[in-house]
Protein backbone atom coordinates (compact mmCIF):
# COMPACT_ATOMS: atom_id res chain seq x y z
CA UNK A 1 -5.78 -0.07 -17.46
CA UNK A 2 -2.72 1.47 -15.80
CA UNK A 3 -2.29 2.57 -12.24
CA UNK A 4 -4.17 1.94 -9.08
CA UNK A 5 -7.95 2.19 -8.88
CA UNK A 6 -9.38 5.11 -6.94
CA UNK A 7 -10.51 4.29 -3.40
CA UNK A 8 -14.21 3.66 -2.82
CA UNK A 9 -16.18 6.52 -1.22
CA UNK A 10 -16.32 4.64 2.12
CA UNK A 11 -12.54 4.31 2.13
CA UNK A 12 -12.11 7.99 1.25
CA UNK A 13 -14.40 8.82 4.18
CA UNK A 14 -12.17 6.73 6.48
CA UNK A 15 -9.11 8.56 5.20
CA UNK A 16 -10.77 11.95 5.67
CA UNK A 17 -11.81 11.00 9.22
CA UNK A 18 -8.24 9.92 10.04
CA UNK A 19 -6.90 13.18 8.58
CA UNK A 20 -9.46 15.15 10.63
CA UNK A 21 -8.43 13.28 13.79
CA UNK A 22 -4.85 14.44 13.18
CA UNK A 23 -6.04 18.04 12.59
CA UNK A 24 -4.97 17.94 8.95
CA UNK A 25 -8.48 17.95 7.45
CA UNK A 26 -11.17 20.50 8.28
CA UNK A 27 -14.77 19.60 7.80
CA UNK A 28 -16.95 16.54 7.72
CA UNK A 29 -15.84 13.49 5.71
CA UNK A 30 -17.67 13.49 2.38
CA UNK A 31 -16.29 10.36 0.73
CA UNK A 32 -15.17 12.44 -2.25
CA UNK A 33 -11.52 12.88 -3.17
CA UNK A 34 -11.23 16.61 -3.78
CA UNK A 35 -8.63 19.38 -3.57
CA UNK A 36 -9.16 19.88 0.17
CA UNK A 37 -8.58 16.17 0.81
CA UNK A 38 -5.40 16.14 -1.28
CA UNK A 39 -4.23 19.30 0.51
CA UNK A 40 -4.94 17.75 3.90
CA UNK A 41 -3.03 14.65 2.86
CA UNK A 42 -0.03 16.79 1.79
CA UNK A 43 -0.17 18.60 5.14
CA UNK A 44 -0.28 15.29 7.02
CA UNK A 45 2.53 13.78 4.95
CA UNK A 46 4.74 16.81 5.49
CA UNK A 47 4.10 16.82 9.25
CA UNK A 48 4.97 13.12 9.50
CA UNK A 49 8.21 13.05 7.51
CA UNK A 50 6.67 11.62 4.35
CA UNK A 51 7.00 12.95 0.83
CA UNK A 52 4.15 15.51 0.59
CA UNK A 53 2.67 14.34 -2.71
CA UNK A 54 -1.00 14.51 -1.74
CA UNK A 55 -1.34 11.00 -3.16
CA UNK A 56 -2.13 7.88 -1.19
CA UNK A 57 0.61 5.37 -0.64
CA UNK A 58 1.09 2.43 1.69
CA UNK A 59 3.29 4.27 4.18
CA UNK A 60 0.87 7.18 4.50
CA UNK A 61 -2.04 4.80 5.08
CA UNK A 62 0.00 2.93 7.68
CA UNK A 63 0.85 6.18 9.52
CA UNK A 64 -2.84 7.13 9.45
CA UNK A 65 -3.63 3.79 11.09
CA UNK A 66 -5.41 2.52 7.98
CA UNK A 67 -2.79 0.32 6.39
CA UNK A 68 -0.64 -2.70 6.91
CA UNK A 69 2.12 -2.80 9.52
CA UNK A 70 4.39 -4.33 6.89
CA UNK A 71 3.81 -1.61 4.30
CA UNK A 72 7.05 -0.67 2.61
CA UNK A 73 9.04 -3.27 4.57
CA UNK A 74 9.18 -6.00 1.94
CA UNK A 75 8.24 -6.56 -1.66
CA UNK A 76 4.64 -7.67 -2.18
CA UNK A 77 4.03 -11.40 -2.38
CA UNK A 78 2.44 -12.45 -5.67
CA UNK A 79 -0.80 -14.43 -5.52
CA UNK A 80 -0.37 -18.23 -5.35
CA UNK A 81 -1.17 -18.72 -9.04
CA UNK A 82 1.10 -15.92 -10.26
CA UNK A 83 3.62 -16.64 -13.01
CA UNK A 84 6.50 -15.66 -10.71
CA UNK A 85 5.53 -18.38 -8.24
CA UNK A 86 5.23 -20.98 -10.99
CA UNK A 87 8.69 -20.06 -12.29
CA UNK A 88 10.09 -20.16 -8.78
CA UNK A 89 8.49 -23.55 -8.23
CA UNK A 90 10.09 -24.94 -11.40
CA UNK A 91 13.46 -23.55 -10.38
CA UNK A 92 13.12 -25.01 -6.89
CA UNK A 93 12.12 -28.37 -8.39
CA UNK A 94 15.19 -28.37 -10.65
CA UNK A 95 17.43 -27.54 -7.68
CA UNK A 96 15.86 -30.32 -5.64
CA UNK A 97 16.40 -32.86 -8.43
CA UNK A 98 19.97 -31.64 -8.88
CA UNK A 99 20.64 -32.03 -5.14
CA UNK A 100 19.12 -35.54 -5.11
CA UNK A 101 21.47 -36.65 -7.90
CA UNK A 102 24.59 -35.36 -6.14
CA UNK A 103 26.66 -37.97 -4.25
CA UNK A 104 26.93 -37.42 -0.52
């Protein structure tokens, strides 16, 4: 399965309410992602200096007050059991061993 999963209806309702609060969305939040929601999102993105794609992204959610304050600031951290962390751990272990064997 490629791409990001669609937001749950409750989350879409939150997004619609935030868009309505900013006067970008007209109507009552329905919890359904439709053309009027995408249009409202484009309007909001354009008014706030974001790329007006009509698609959700971390920076748009952050500007709406629904996302992380660190969105777009740094690369995501992989989960603790991710392959990247295991590889990093092995590399760090090798470096540590190498440093221990070096004369001072």
